[in-house]
Amino acid sequence: MPKKTIEIEAENSIELDAKERILKNCATIPMEDLERVGQLVTNPNALAGLKKHWIMLRTMFR
């Protein structure tokens, strides 16, 4: 299985650990879902919508 190492920047070690954990979780989801996540993180309007409606979205999936 091919592997890739990436560099992650963070303000401190706590943030770095959190980013690493999140990215590792992303790496385990099916590619189709990962493509959707990728579209969200590269679209400023999608990110703004997530931020604006985050509480509602979070409660939908609990």
PDB file of N, CA and C in Angstrom:
ATOM      1  N   MET A   1       0.841  -1.175   0.000  1.00  0.00           N
ATOM      2  CA  MET A   1       0.000   0.000   0.000  1.00  0.00           C
ATOM      3  C   MET A   1       0.887   1.240   0.000  1.00  0.00           C
ATOM      4  N   PRO A   2       0.685   2.153  -0.938  1.00  0.00           N
ATOM      5  CA  PRO A   2       1.487   3.382  -0.970  1.00  0.00           C
ATOM      6  C   PRO A   2       1.196   4.269   0.247  1.00  0.00           C
ATOM      7  N   LYS A   3       2.207   4.964   0.712  1.00  0.00           N
ATOM      8  CA  LYS A   3       2.063   5.898   1.827  1.00  0.00           C
ATOM      9  C   LYS A   3       2.733   7.209   1.471  1.00  0.00           C
ATOM     10  N   LYS A   4       2.254   8.277   2.076  1.00  0.00           N
ATOM     11  CA  LYS A   4       2.832   9.597   1.860  1.00  0.00           C
ATOM     12  C   LYS A   4       2.961  10.289   3.207  1.00  0.00           C
ATOM     13  N   THR A   5       4.037  10.999   3.392  1.00  0.00           N
ATOM     14  CA  THR A   5       4.252  11.788   4.594  1.00  0.00           C
ATOM     15  C   THR A   5       4.033  13.249   4.235  1.00  0.00           C
ATOM     16  N   ILE A   6       3.296  13.952   5.091  1.00  0.00           N
ATOM     17  CA  ILE A   6       3.039  15.368   4.843  1.00  0.00           C
ATOM     18  C   ILE A   6       3.506  16.178   6.053  1.00  0.00           C
ATOM     19  N   GLU A   7       3.743  17.455   5.828  1.00  0.00           N
ATOM     20  CA  GLU A   7       4.103  18.355   6.913  1.00  0.00           C
ATOM     21  C   GLU A   7       2.874  19.141   7.320  1.00  0.00           C
ATOM     22  N   ILE A   8       2.688  19.281   8.625  1.00  0.00           N
ATOM     23  CA  ILE A   8       1.552  20.004   9.170  1.00  0.00           C
ATOM     24  C   ILE A   8       2.082  21.135  10.036  1.00  0.00           C
ATOM     25  N   GLU A   9       1.590  22.331   9.820  1.00  0.00           N
ATOM     26  CA  GLU A   9       1.981  23.464  10.656  1.00  0.00           C
ATOM     27  C   GLU A   9       0.903  23.714  11.705  1.00  0.00           C
ATOM     28  N   ALA A  10       1.344  24.097  12.892  1.00  0.00           N
ATOM     29  CA  ALA A  10       0.414  24.390  13.973  1.00  0.00           C
ATOM     30  C   ALA A  10       1.048  25.418  14.907  1.00  0.00           C
ATOM     31  N   GLU A  11       0.200  26.066  15.677  1.00  0.00           N
ATOM     32  CA  GLU A  11       0.667  27.082  16.619  1.00  0.00           C
ATOM     33  C   GLU A  11       1.367  26.465  17.827  1.00  0.00           C
ATOM     34  N   ASN A  12       0.941  25.239  18.198  1.00  0.00           N
ATOM     35  CA  ASN A  12       1.530  24.584  19.368  1.00  0.00           C
ATOM     36  C   ASN A  12       1.341  23.078  19.251  1.00  0.00           C
ATOM     37  N   SER A  13       1.870  22.342  20.220  1.00  0.00           N
ATOM     38  CA  SER A  13       1.830  20.878  20.140  1.00  0.00           C
ATOM     39  C   SER A  13       0.415  20.326  20.306  1.00  0.00           C
ATOM     40  N   ILE A  14      -0.417  20.994  21.070  1.00  0.00           N
ATOM     41  CA  ILE A  14      -1.804  20.540  21.236  1.00  0.00           C
ATOM     42  C   ILE A  14      -2.549  20.638  19.914  1.00  0.00           C
ATOM     43  N   GLU A  15      -2.396  21.768  19.233  1.00  0.00           N
ATOM     44  CA  GLU A  15      -3.034  21.951  17.924  1.00  0.00           C
ATOM     45  C   GLU A  15      -2.479  20.952  16.912  1.00  0.00           C
ATOM     46  N   LEU A  16      -1.179  20.715  16.961  1.00  0.00           N
ATOM     47  CA  LEU A  16      -0.555  19.764  16.046  1.00  0.00           C
ATOM     48  C   LEU A  16      -1.113  18.355  16.247  1.00  0.00           C
ATOM     49  N   ASP A  17      -1.254  17.941  17.502  1.00  0.00           N
ATOM     50  CA  ASP A  17      -1.824  16.624  17.788  1.00  0.00           C
ATOM     51  C   ASP A  17      -3.266  16.521  17.301  1.00  0.00           C
ATOM     52  N   ALA A  18      -4.040  17.593  17.486  1.00  0.00           N
ATOM     53  CA  ALA A  18      -5.436  17.588  17.035  1.00  0.00           C
ATOM     54  C   ALA A  18      -5.513  17.486  15.518  1.00  0.00           C
ATOM     55  N   LYS A  19      -4.667  18.242  14.821  1.00  0.00           N
ATOM     56  CA  LYS A  19      -4.658  18.177  13.352  1.00  0.00           C
ATOM     57  C   LYS A  19      -4.255  16.796  12.874  1.00  0.00           C
ATOM     58  N   GLU A  20      -3.254  16.214  13.523  1.00  0.00           N
ATOM     59  CA  GLU A  20      -2.811  14.875  13.140  1.00  0.00           C
ATOM     60  C   GLU A  20      -3.938  13.858  13.314  1.00  0.00           C
ATOM     61  N   ARG A  21      -4.643  13.915  14.449  1.00  0.00           N
ATOM     62  CA  ARG A  21      -5.742  12.992  14.720  1.00  0.00           C
ATOM     63  C   ARG A  21      -6.846  13.143  13.670  1.00  0.00           C
ATOM     64  N   ILE A  22      -7.201  14.378  13.355  1.00  0.00           N
ATOM     65  CA  ILE A  22      -8.256  14.633  12.367  1.00  0.00           C
ATOM     66  C   ILE A  22      -7.849  14.124  10.988  1.00  0.00           C
ATOM     67  N   LEU A  23      -6.622  14.394  10.590  1.00  0.00           N
ATOM     68  CA  LEU A  23      -6.157  13.950   9.276  1.00  0.00           C
ATOM     69  C   LEU A  23      -6.070  12.430   9.188  1.00  0.00           C
ATOM     70  N   LYS A  24      -5.666  11.787  10.277  1.00  0.00           N
ATOM     71  CA  LYS A  24      -5.632  10.327  10.280  1.00  0.00           C
ATOM     72  C   LYS A  24      -7.039   9.757  10.148  1.00  0.00           C
ATOM     73  N   ASN A  25      -8.015  10.383  10.808  1.00  0.00           N
ATOM     74  CA  ASN A  25      -9.402   9.945  10.670  1.00  0.00           C
ATOM     75  C   ASN A  25      -9.882  10.132   9.238  1.00  0.00           C
ATOM     76  N   CYS A  26      -9.521  11.247   8.626  1.00  0.00           N
ATOM     77  CA  CYS A  26      -9.900  11.494   7.229  1.00  0.00           C
ATOM     78  C   CYS A  26      -9.323  10.431   6.303  1.00  0.00           C
ATOM     79  N   ALA A  27      -8.126   9.983   6.605  1.00  0.00           N
ATOM     80  CA  ALA A  27      -7.460   9.001   5.750  1.00  0.00           C
ATOM     81  C   ALA A  27      -8.152   7.646   5.768  1.00  0.00           C
ATOM     82  N   THR A  28      -8.996   7.405   6.755  1.00  0.00           N
ATOM     83  CA  THR A  28      -9.644   6.100   6.861  1.00  0.00           C
ATOM     84  C   THR A  28     -11.015   6.042   6.204  1.00  0.00           C
ATOM     85  N   ILE A  29     -11.567   7.192   5.804  1.00  0.00           N
ATOM     86  CA  ILE A  29     -12.913   7.166   5.209  1.00  0.00           C
ATOM     87  C   ILE A  29     -12.823   6.812   3.723  1.00  0.00           C
ATOM     88  N   PRO A  30     -13.906   6.296   3.164  1.00  0.00           N
ATOM     89  CA  PRO A  30     -13.897   5.943   1.739  1.00  0.00           C
ATOM     90  C   PRO A  30     -13.576   7.160   0.861  1.00  0.00           C
ATOM     91  N   MET A  31     -12.936   6.916  -0.253  1.00  0.00           N
ATOM     92  CA  MET A  31     -12.496   7.981  -1.148  1.00  0.00           C
ATOM     93  C   MET A  31     -13.658   8.878  -1.579  1.00  0.00           C
ATOM     94  N   GLU A  32     -14.814   8.309  -1.824  1.00  0.00           N
ATOM     95  CA  GLU A  32     -15.981   9.101  -2.238  1.00  0.00           C
ATOM     96  C   GLU A  32     -16.327  10.149  -1.179  1.00  0.00           C
ATOM     97  N   ASP A  33     -16.290   9.754   0.083  1.00  0.00           N
ATOM     98  CA  ASP A  33     -16.567  10.694   1.171  1.00  0.00           C
ATOM     99  C   ASP A  33     -15.433  11.698   1.327  1.00  0.00           C
ATOM    100  N   LEU A  34     -14.209  11.239   1.163  1.00  0.00           N
ATOM    101  CA  LEU A  34     -13.058  12.130   1.280  1.00  0.00           C
ATOM    102  C   LEU A  34     -13.091  13.206   0.192  1.00  0.00           C
ATOM    103  N   GLU A  35     -13.548  12.845  -0.994  1.00  0.00           N
ATOM    104  CA  GLU A  35     -13.682  13.845  -2.066  1.00  0.00           C
ATOM    105  C   GLU A  35     -14.687  14.920  -1.671  1.00  0.00           C
ATOM    106  N   ARG A  36     -15.771  14.530  -1.019  1.00  0.00           N
ATOM    107  CA  ARG A  36     -16.763  15.512  -0.555  1.00  0.00           C
ATOM    108  C   ARG A  36     -16.150  16.454   0.476  1.00  0.00           C
ATOM    109  N   VAL A  37     -15.408  15.888   1.418  1.00  0.00           N
ATOM    110  CA  VAL A  37     -14.735  16.707   2.433  1.00  0.00           C
ATOM    111  C   VAL A  37     -13.753  17.652   1.752  1.00  0.00           C
ATOM    112  N   GLY A  38     -13.020  17.145   0.771  1.00  0.00           N
ATOM    113  CA  GLY A  38     -12.070  17.976   0.039  1.00  0.00           C
ATOM    114  C   GLY A  38     -12.737  19.140  -0.662  1.00  0.00           C
ATOM    115  N   GLN A  39     -13.915  18.913  -1.217  1.00  0.00           N
ATOM    116  CA  GLN A  39     -14.645  19.997  -1.877  1.00  0.00           C
ATOM    117  C   GLN A  39     -15.079  21.047  -0.860  1.00  0.00           C
ATOM    118  N   LEU A  40     -15.468  20.603   0.335  1.00  0.00           N
ATOM    119  CA  LEU A  40     -15.868  21.550   1.375  1.00  0.00           C
ATOM    120  C   LEU A  40     -14.706  22.430   1.818  1.00  0.00           C
ATOM    121  N   VAL A  41     -13.549  21.826   2.049  1.00  0.00           N
ATOM    122  CA  VAL A  41     -12.426  22.596   2.599  1.00  0.00           C
ATOM    123  C   VAL A  41     -11.762  23.503   1.577  1.00  0.00           C
ATOM    124  N   THR A  42     -12.033  23.296   0.298  1.00  0.00           N
ATOM    125  CA  THR A  42     -11.429  24.165  -0.710  1.00  0.00           C
ATOM    126  C   THR A  42     -12.395  25.229  -1.223  1.00  0.00           C
ATOM    127  N   ASN A  43     -13.620  25.249  -0.692  1.00  0.00           N
ATOM    128  CA  ASN A  43     -14.625  26.204  -1.149  1.00  0.00           C
ATOM    129  C   ASN A  43     -14.911  27.201  -0.025  1.00  0.00           C
ATOM    130  N   PRO A  44     -14.526  28.471  -0.208  1.00  0.00           N
ATOM    131  CA  PRO A  44     -14.751  29.470   0.847  1.00  0.00           C
ATOM    132  C   PRO A  44     -16.225  29.621   1.227  1.00  0.00           C
ATOM    133  N   ASN A  45     -17.132  29.504   0.263  1.00  0.00           N
ATOM    134  CA  ASN A  45     -18.562  29.608   0.575  1.00  0.00           C
ATOM    135  C   ASN A  45     -19.027  28.441   1.432  1.00  0.00           C
ATOM    136  N   ALA A  46     -18.522  27.251   1.145  1.00  0.00           N
ATOM    137  CA  ALA A  46     -18.881  26.075   1.945  1.00  0.00           C
ATOM    138  C   ALA A  46     -18.362  26.230   3.373  1.00  0.00           C
ATOM    139  N   LEU A  47     -17.131  26.709   3.512  1.00  0.00           N
ATOM    140  CA  LEU A  47     -16.576  26.904   4.853  1.00  0.00           C
ATOM    141  C   LEU A  47     -17.367  27.952   5.634  1.00  0.00           C
ATOM    142  N   ALA A  48     -17.765  29.012   4.961  1.00  0.00           N
ATOM    143  CA  ALA A  48     -18.569  30.045   5.622  1.00  0.00           C
ATOM    144  C   ALA A  48     -19.918  29.472   6.045  1.00  0.00           C
ATOM    145  N   GLY A  49     -20.514  28.644   5.188  1.00  0.00           N
ATOM    146  CA  GLY A  49     -21.786  28.011   5.525  1.00  0.00           C
ATOM    147  C   GLY A  49     -21.653  27.053   6.698  1.00  0.00           C
ATOM    148  N   LEU A  50     -20.565  26.298   6.731  1.00  0.00           N
ATOM    149  CA  LEU A  50     -20.330  25.403   7.865  1.00  0.00           C
ATOM    150  C   LEU A  50     -20.204  26.191   9.165  1.00  0.00           C
ATOM    151  N   LYS A  51     -19.456  27.278   9.093  1.00  0.00           N
ATOM    152  CA  LYS A  51     -19.264  28.102  10.293  1.00  0.00           C
ATOM    153  C   LYS A  51     -20.583  28.716  10.752  1.00  0.00           C
ATOM    154  N   LYS A  52     -21.352  29.227   9.811  1.00  0.00           N
ATOM    155  CA  LYS A  52     -22.615  29.896  10.132  1.00  0.00           C
ATOM    156  C   LYS A  52     -23.639  28.928  10.719  1.00  0.00           C
ATOM    157  N   HIS A  53     -23.679  27.710  10.188  1.00  0.00           N
ATOM    158  CA  HIS A  53     -24.719  26.751  10.582  1.00  0.00           C
ATOM    159  C   HIS A  53     -24.162  25.576  11.384  1.00  0.00           C
ATOM    160  N   TRP A  54     -22.990  25.740  11.993  1.00  0.00           N
ATOM    161  CA  TRP A  54     -22.328  24.628  12.644  1.00  0.00           C
ATOM    162  C   TRP A  54     -23.154  24.003  13.765  1.00  0.00           C
ATOM    163  N   ILE A  55     -23.780  24.804  14.599  1.00  0.00           N
ATOM    164  CA  ILE A  55     -24.548  24.259  15.722  1.00  0.00           C
ATOM    165  C   ILE A  55     -25.683  23.380  15.207  1.00  0.00           C
ATOM    166  N   MET A  56     -26.396  23.840  14.201  1.00  0.00           N
ATOM    167  CA  MET A  56     -27.482  23.057  13.633  1.00  0.00           C
ATOM    168  C   MET A  56     -26.947  21.757  13.019  1.00  0.00           C
ATOM    169  N   LEU A  57     -25.857  21.846  12.262  1.00  0.00           N
ATOM    170  CA  LEU A  57     -25.276  20.659  11.638  1.00  0.00           C
ATOM    171  C   LEU A  57     -24.816  19.654  12.692  1.00  0.00           C
ATOM    172  N   ARG A  58     -24.189  20.135  13.719  1.00  0.00           N
ATOM    173  CA  ARG A  58     -23.702  19.249  14.777  1.00  0.00           C
ATOM    174  C   ARG A  58     -24.841  18.499  15.447  1.00  0.00           C
ATOM    175  N   THR A  59     -25.941  19.198  15.705  1.00  0.00           N
ATOM    176  CA  THR A  59     -27.069  18.541  16.361  1.00  0.00           C
ATOM    177  C   THR A  59     -27.757  17.535  15.439  1.00  0.00           C
ATOM    178  N   MET A  60     -27.658  17.728  14.136  1.00  0.00           N
ATOM    179  CA  MET A  60     -28.264  16.798  13.189  1.00  0.00           C
ATOM    180  C   MET A  60     -27.589  15.427  13.224  1.00  0.00           C
ATOM    181  N   PHE A  61     -26.319  15.373  13.556  1.00  0.00           N
ATOM    182  CA  PHE A  61     -25.552  14.143  13.463  1.00  0.00           C
ATOM    183  C   PHE A  61     -25.175  13.551  14.805  1.00  0.00           C
ATOM    184  N   ARG A  62     -25.825  13.963  15.852  1.00  0.00           N
ATOM    185  CA  ARG A  62     -25.557  13.388  17.182  1.00  0.00           C
ATOM    186  C   ARG A  62     -26.557  12.341  17.506  1.00  0.00           C
TER     187      ARG A  62
END
